[in-house]
Each structure stands twice: as structure tokens, then as C-alpha cells.
Protein backbone atom coordinates (compact mmCIF):
# COMPACT_ATOMS: atom_id res chain seq x y z
CA MET A 1 -0.02 -0.21 -0.15
CA ASP A 2 0.94 3.37 -0.89
CA ILE A 3 0.91 5.17 2.40
CA VAL A 4 1.58 9.08 2.65
CA ASP A 5 1.73 10.87 5.94
CA SER A 6 0.23 14.17 5.33
CA GLN A 7 1.48 15.62 8.07
CA ALA A 8 4.34 15.82 10.57
CA HIS A 9 6.64 18.50 11.63
CA LEU A 10 10.26 18.30 11.15
CA GLY A 11 13.52 20.35 12.48
CA PRO A 12 15.94 21.09 12.70
CA GLY A 13 17.56 17.98 11.66
CA GLY A 14 16.05 14.92 12.13
CA ALA A 15 15.55 13.73 8.87
CA ALA A 16 17.68 10.52 8.79
CA GLU A 17 16.33 9.01 11.68
CA MET A 18 12.77 10.33 10.25
CA VAL A 19 13.62 8.40 7.09
CA ALA A 20 14.29 5.16 8.99
CA ALA A 21 11.23 5.31 10.72
CA LEU A 22 9.40 5.75 7.26
CA ASP A 23 11.34 2.49 5.82
CA ALA A 24 10.79 0.52 9.14
CA LEU A 25 6.41 1.37 8.84
CA GLY A 26 5.93 1.47 5.38
CA ILE A 27 5.34 4.87 4.82
CA ALA A 28 6.52 5.81 1.15
CA SER A 29 6.04 9.81 1.94
CA VAL A 30 5.42 12.46 3.67
CA LEU A 31 4.20 15.95 3.83
CA ILE A 32 6.59 18.56 6.08
CA ASP A 33 4.80 21.66 7.82
CA GLU A 34 8.34 22.59 9.48
CA TRP A 35 7.47 24.23 12.54
CA TRP A 36 10.19 23.68 14.87
CA MET A 37 8.45 22.08 18.13
CA GLY A 38 10.75 23.36 21.38
CA THR A 39 10.41 27.10 19.84
CA PRO A 40 6.92 27.47 18.31
CA GLY A 41 7.01 29.59 15.19
CA HIS A 42 10.11 28.88 13.54
CA PRO A 43 12.02 29.17 11.58
CA TYR A 44 10.57 32.26 10.19
CA TYR A 45 11.53 36.07 9.99
CA GLY A 46 9.67 39.45 10.44
CA VAL A 47 8.06 41.31 7.45
CA GLY A 48 6.44 44.38 6.64
CA LYS A 49 5.19 47.03 8.92
CA GLY A 50 7.18 46.23 12.20
CA GLY A 51 7.69 43.10 11.04
CA GLU A 52 4.43 42.16 12.22
CA ALA A 53 3.73 39.63 9.27
CA ILE A 54 5.42 36.12 9.55
CA ARG A 55 7.15 34.31 6.64
CA THR A 56 8.76 31.38 7.18
CA THR A 57 11.20 29.10 6.04
CA SER A 58 11.81 25.61 5.12
CA PRO A 59 15.36 24.86 5.43
CA THR A 60 15.32 20.92 6.82
CA ALA A 61 12.34 20.36 4.75
CA GLU A 62 14.45 21.73 1.58
CA LEU A 63 17.33 19.73 2.45
CA ALA A 64 15.77 16.87 3.24
CA GLU A 65 13.85 16.65 -0.74
CA TRP A 66 17.68 16.86 -2.27
CA THR A 67 18.79 14.70 -0.02
CA TYR A 68 15.88 12.19 0.06
CA PRO A 69 14.11 12.23 -3.81
CA GLY A 70 10.66 11.29 -2.72
CA ARG A 71 10.14 10.72 0.65
CA PHE A 72 9.02 14.49 1.47
CA SER A 73 7.52 17.39 0.46
CA HIS A 74 6.80 20.14 2.53
CA LEU A 75 3.77 22.88 2.93
CA ILE A 76 4.28 27.17 3.53
CA ARG A 77 2.27 29.06 5.97
CA VAL A 78 1.45 32.00 4.26
CA ASP A 79 0.40 35.59 6.21
CA GLN A 80 -2.71 37.25 4.13
CA ARG A 81 -0.18 40.87 5.98
CA ASP A 82 2.81 39.83 4.12
CA PRO A 83 3.68 43.03 1.53
CA GLU A 84 5.14 40.30 -0.62
CA LEU A 85 2.23 37.05 -0.43
CA TYR A 86 1.77 37.16 -4.21
CA ASN A 87 5.70 36.61 -5.04
CA VAL A 88 6.03 34.34 -2.10
CA VAL A 89 3.27 32.09 -3.65
CA LYS A 90 4.90 32.75 -7.15
CA LEU A 91 7.58 31.76 -5.82
CA ALA A 92 6.68 28.54 -4.31
CA ARG A 93 4.42 27.85 -7.32
CA ASP A 94 8.24 27.47 -8.81
CA CYS A 95 9.58 24.66 -6.46
CA PRO A 96 8.93 21.45 -7.37
CA ASN A 97 8.31 19.97 -3.53
CA VAL A 98 5.98 22.97 -2.39
CA ARG A 99 2.79 20.84 -2.38
CA ALA A 100 0.31 23.31 -0.18
CA LEU A 101 0.52 26.33 1.76
CA ARG A 102 -1.07 26.56 5.39
CA VAL A 103 -3.43 28.82 7.19
CA SER A 104 -4.75 28.80 11.07
CA PRO A 105 -7.06 31.02 11.53
CA GLY A 106 -9.25 29.44 14.28
CA MET A 107 -6.43 29.91 16.81
CA THR A 108 -7.65 33.23 18.39
CA ARG A 109 -10.95 35.23 17.98
CA ALA A 110 -9.01 37.94 16.12
CA ASP A 111 -7.85 35.89 13.70
CA LEU A 112 -11.53 34.41 13.30
CA LYS A 113 -13.18 37.26 13.09
CA SER A 114 -10.07 38.61 10.18
CA PHE A 115 -11.01 35.31 8.38
CA ALA A 116 -14.70 36.10 8.36
CA ASP A 117 -14.35 39.33 7.48
CA GLY A 118 -12.40 38.13 3.90
CA ASP A 119 -9.51 38.90 5.49
CA MET A 120 -8.10 35.73 3.80
CA GLU A 121 -9.31 36.26 0.67
CA CYS A 122 -6.02 37.58 -0.66
CA ILE A 123 -4.53 33.92 -0.02
CA PHE A 124 -7.16 32.15 -1.50
CA SER A 125 -6.82 34.43 -5.00
CA ALA A 126 -2.86 33.27 -5.21
CA ALA A 127 -3.74 29.58 -4.22
CA ASP A 128 -6.19 30.46 -7.14
CA ASP A 129 -3.59 31.75 -9.63
CA PHE A 130 -0.66 29.12 -9.38
CA GLY A 131 -2.32 26.51 -8.42
CA PHE A 132 -1.94 25.30 -4.70
CA PRO A 133 -3.99 23.45 -2.23
CA ILE A 134 -4.82 25.36 1.04
CA PHE A 135 -4.83 23.50 4.85
CA ILE A 136 -6.72 25.37 6.91
CA GLN A 137 -6.93 24.72 11.03
CA ILE A 138 -10.24 26.24 11.56
CA ALA A 139 -10.74 24.39 15.09
CA GLY A 140 -14.76 24.02 15.02
CA ASN A 141 -15.45 27.01 12.87
CA THR A 142 -16.28 25.29 9.50
CA ASP A 143 -18.94 27.08 8.87
CA LEU A 144 -16.56 30.45 7.93
CA LEU A 145 -15.46 28.71 5.24
CA ALA A 146 -18.44 29.06 3.25
CA PRO A 147 -18.08 32.19 1.18
CA TYR A 148 -14.63 31.07 0.47
CA LEU A 149 -15.43 28.10 -0.63
CA GLN A 150 -17.66 29.77 -3.01
CA LYS A 151 -16.18 32.41 -4.35
CA PHE A 152 -13.19 30.31 -4.95
CA PRO A 153 -14.55 27.32 -6.59
CA ASP A 154 -11.11 25.64 -8.32
CA VAL A 155 -9.10 26.44 -5.12
CA ARG A 156 -8.58 23.33 -3.11
CA VAL A 157 -8.96 23.60 0.46
CA ILE A 158 -8.17 21.08 3.33
CA ILE A 159 -9.34 21.35 7.13
CA CYS A 160 -6.72 20.23 9.12
CA HIS A 161 -7.29 18.26 12.42
CA CYS A 162 -10.52 16.80 11.29
CA GLY A 163 -12.22 20.09 11.74
CA MET A 164 -12.85 19.64 15.20
CA PRO A 165 -12.57 22.35 18.25
CA PRO A 166 -10.14 22.37 20.66
CA GLY A 167 -11.10 19.75 22.66
CA LYS A 168 -10.45 18.89 26.70
CA LEU A 169 -6.61 17.51 25.65
CA LEU A 170 -6.54 21.44 23.32
CA TRP A 171 -8.19 24.32 24.56
CA PRO A 172 -6.11 25.02 27.83
CA ILE A 173 -2.95 25.34 25.40
CA PHE A 174 -5.64 27.52 22.97
CA ALA A 175 -6.29 29.14 25.87
CA GLN A 176 -2.51 30.69 26.57
CA MET A 177 -1.91 31.10 22.91
CA GLU A 178 -4.32 33.96 22.90
CA GLY A 179 -3.88 35.08 26.35
CA LEU A 180 -6.72 37.59 27.10
CA PRO A 181 -8.09 38.10 30.28
CA ASP A 182 -11.34 36.27 29.35
CA SER A 183 -9.30 33.51 27.30
CA GLN A 184 -9.83 30.56 29.64
CA ASP A 185 -13.08 30.92 30.44
CA TYR A 186 -13.80 31.50 26.14
CA TRP A 187 -11.25 27.98 25.07
CA GLY A 188 -12.94 26.26 28.36
CA LYS A 189 -16.51 26.41 26.52
CA VAL A 190 -15.16 25.88 23.29
CA GLY A 191 -13.86 22.96 24.43
CA ALA A 192 -16.95 21.87 26.18
CA GLU A 193 -18.86 21.38 23.03
CA PRO A 194 -20.32 17.69 22.79
CA ILE A 195 -18.13 15.75 20.30
CA SER A 196 -20.95 14.71 18.08
CA GLU A 197 -22.68 18.31 17.65
CA ALA A 198 -18.94 19.96 16.64
CA PHE A 199 -18.76 16.77 14.10
CA ASP A 200 -21.85 17.50 12.56
CA LYS A 201 -20.82 20.95 11.74
CA VAL A 202 -18.08 19.62 9.59
CA LEU A 203 -19.96 17.27 8.14
CA ARG A 204 -21.81 19.77 6.59
CA ILE A 205 -19.28 21.58 4.82
CA ALA A 206 -18.47 18.33 2.73
CA ASP A 207 -21.78 19.57 0.46
CA HIS A 208 -18.96 21.77 -0.80
CA PRO A 209 -17.34 19.30 -3.51
CA ASN A 210 -13.89 21.44 -3.28
CA VAL A 211 -12.84 20.96 0.29
CA ALA A 212 -11.31 17.79 1.96
CA LEU A 213 -10.95 16.90 5.32
CA LYS A 214 -7.15 15.45 6.64
CA TRP A 215 -7.87 13.17 9.34
CA ALA A 216 -5.52 14.18 12.26
CA HIS A 217 -5.18 13.71 15.88
CA ALA A 218 -8.32 12.24 15.56
CA PRO A 219 -8.06 10.25 18.86
CA THR A 220 -7.41 14.12 20.75
CA MET A 221 -10.90 15.22 18.62
CA PHE A 222 -12.83 12.43 19.80
CA ASP A 223 -11.52 11.60 22.92
CA ALA A 224 -10.39 8.26 21.94
CA GLY A 225 -6.87 7.92 23.03
CA GLY A 226 -4.94 4.46 23.21
CA PHE A 227 -4.20 2.02 20.56
CA PRO A 228 -6.70 1.51 18.01
CA ASN A 229 -8.51 4.25 18.96
CA GLU A 230 -12.26 2.95 18.50
CA GLY A 231 -13.49 5.71 19.67
CA SER A 232 -12.55 7.40 16.90
CA ARG A 233 -14.13 4.94 13.98
CA PRO A 234 -17.80 5.78 14.30
CA PHE A 235 -16.55 9.44 13.35
CA LEU A 236 -14.09 8.36 10.46
CA ARG A 237 -16.98 6.30 9.26
CA LYS A 238 -19.07 9.38 9.24
CA ALA A 239 -16.68 11.47 7.29
CA LEU A 240 -16.00 9.00 4.90
CA ASP A 241 -20.23 8.63 4.42
CA ALA A 242 -20.25 12.73 3.92
CA PHE A 243 -16.88 13.39 2.01
CA GLY A 244 -16.31 10.02 0.31
CA ALA A 245 -12.93 8.32 0.53
CA GLU A 246 -12.06 10.79 -2.15
CA ARG A 247 -11.71 13.61 -0.07
CA VAL A 248 -10.83 12.49 3.38
CA MET A 249 -6.51 12.36 3.65
CA TRP A 250 -4.63 10.24 7.05
CA ALA A 251 -1.83 12.32 8.87
CA SER A 252 -0.08 11.14 11.83
CA ASP A 253 1.11 14.35 13.48
CA VAL A 254 3.41 12.18 15.65
CA SER A 255 5.58 14.78 16.56
CA ALA A 256 2.50 16.62 18.58
CA ASN A 257 0.52 13.73 19.07
CA GLN A 258 -1.56 14.47 22.64
CA THR A 259 -2.79 11.04 23.10
CA GLY A 260 0.43 9.44 22.70
CA GLU A 261 0.41 6.63 20.56
CA SER A 262 3.11 5.66 18.09
CA TRP A 263 3.33 6.47 14.61
CA ALA A 264 2.51 2.45 13.85
CA GLU A 265 -0.10 2.92 16.21
CA LEU A 266 -1.61 5.76 14.43
CA ILE A 267 -1.47 3.75 11.11
CA PHE A 268 -2.89 0.75 12.02
CA SER A 269 -5.46 2.04 13.96
CA ILE A 270 -6.68 3.08 10.37
CA ARG A 271 -5.04 -0.52 8.60
CA ASN A 272 -7.28 -2.68 10.62
CA ASP A 273 -10.42 -0.73 11.01
CA PRO A 274 -13.50 -3.66 10.16
CA GLY A 275 -15.50 -0.98 9.03
CA LEU A 276 -13.53 0.56 6.01
CA SER A 277 -13.18 -1.35 2.70
CA GLU A 278 -9.71 -1.92 0.97
CA SER A 279 -10.28 0.78 -1.33
CA GLU A 280 -11.04 3.55 1.36
CA LYS A 281 -8.23 2.42 3.17
CA GLU A 282 -5.83 2.75 0.83
CA HIS A 283 -7.54 6.15 -0.20
CA VAL A 284 -7.51 7.57 3.55
CA LEU A 285 -4.05 6.50 3.62
CA GLY A 286 -2.32 7.59 0.51
CA ARG A 287 -3.95 7.76 -2.54
CA THR A 288 -6.24 11.29 -2.03
CA ALA A 289 -3.22 12.77 -0.57
CA ARG A 290 -1.60 11.85 -4.00
CA ASN A 291 -4.76 13.56 -5.76
CA TRP A 292 -4.96 16.67 -3.81
CA LEU A 293 -1.42 17.37 -3.67
CA ASN A 294 -0.72 16.68 -7.42
CA TRP A 295 2.00 14.39 -5.79
CA GLU A 296 3.11 11.57 -7.90
CA LYS A 297 4.60 8.78 -6.71
CA SER A 298 8.23 8.31 -7.31
């Protein structure tokens, strides 16, 4: 089976160790979101007025792609405040190993309001011009995507982390990152939303054909920690019924896994799921990512 992990973090260094793990686990390729876990946000530099906009770089991923052809590609995080946003995306278009853009408006209320106000249309426009899909971390607010999906029907949008709001393991992190006096109260209430109700909202966005779902952090999002993550399986079944297997892709995000499963356990929770057909497993574990990211197997 051609297995593609559609999100892992890497850097600085670590590519050789990751390749050894890929070989042991039978993973063909990994999409890297270079985000140094010990120094959140790095590597990047500030641009624009007062350096308020973030322009990320991917030195570890680029070196890994040259060193191990076919095993790695990466995405780039983009900021709508970047005065050279269009050119940043244009340059990325010319890099053979950049597969997608990524935005994360779901992390703070200010960013969510900015997204709802249409401030990220410039990113979607650039993605449209240069043929990039966009990964988006929207934290349960999938309804806010509808105007973008309608205005940019040719842009492929992939919803990160099952589209879910932060649950009991994640909401304290969101509150800390936002850092406002009422953040603990606000995000605590968000994290207490019933799981089934939150996921029903996600499923409604499947009516738009240009949106897919990244099945990442499912053990965390569905309170289903511990291999084989059986508690998440009914929700995966609903996702496949709503989106179709050709619009659901798996990601381990093993470098930031709050529930502690190993990389192998995260794979085999899907491979051993008795409720999935072999075709569905092939799509979720690799084929969907290949198709949506325009990434042919080497």
C-alpha cells in the first residue's frame, strides 16, 4: 500500500532518523510542515510594517527533499499581512517540492474575525492563480469557510485536524496562546462542546466539492486515545460517508500527538479498522493525498 503521511513536523535536523522510521513502517512519503516544536513559530522572520507579518522558511524540509528524493515534500505557512504575499506564493510555485499553503485562523478570536471578514481572500486568490491547495486549521468554525469555497471554487481546501474545535486536551493550549483575560473561560466553553454536535457541523461543509478533510489528531479530537482508537472509528465512518474516501486523507502529526500513540499505532488504527473497505483504506492512507497534492509516487 502506498502510504502518505500528510502532516508531520521536522527540524532542525532529524531527516535521517525520520527516513529510518518511514522505512520500518512502510510509509512512502511525508508532507512536512516545518515548525520547530521547541521554538514554536520558527523558522521564520518578520516582514512588513513593524515586522508584524510572519514569513516562514523550510531549511530542514528542503535539505531532506534533496537528500531523499520522493520521500519528502513540504507546505508553506503564509500570512495575509505579508506585503509580498503574491510573490512568495509565486516563488513557491517554482519549487518542485512545495505542495500546499497553510493558514491557521482558528487559533485566536481575532484571527477568526479577520477570516470571517474576508481578510484571507488574498491568500485564496494567490492559491487560485498558482494552483495550490490550502490546508486550514479552523478549529470547529467550518461554517466560515463557505464564502471562500463559493468565491474560489477551483481552490482545493483541506480542513486540518478533523475540523474539530479544541477538546479537553487542547483548549488550555489555545487559551495560553491567545493570552487574553477571558481566554480560559472562552476556550474552556469551546472545549466543552459535545463531540457529536461539533462534528455534525464539520460534515455539513462536505456539500462543497472543493473541500477535503485531513484525518489528523482524531484520538484527541474524539476523546479516543489509546490504540486502536476505537472511539474515533464511528466518526471516520461518518466522514467517509459525507466526503467520500477520495476527500479524506490521513495524517499522523506524530511529532505533536497529545494522546501518545506511536506512529505505527496511528497507521494501524486505520489499517485494522474492520469498518473500512480496502479501497477506502488505500485512499485515506495515501491515494487522496497524492491526488489532492499533485504528488506522484516516485
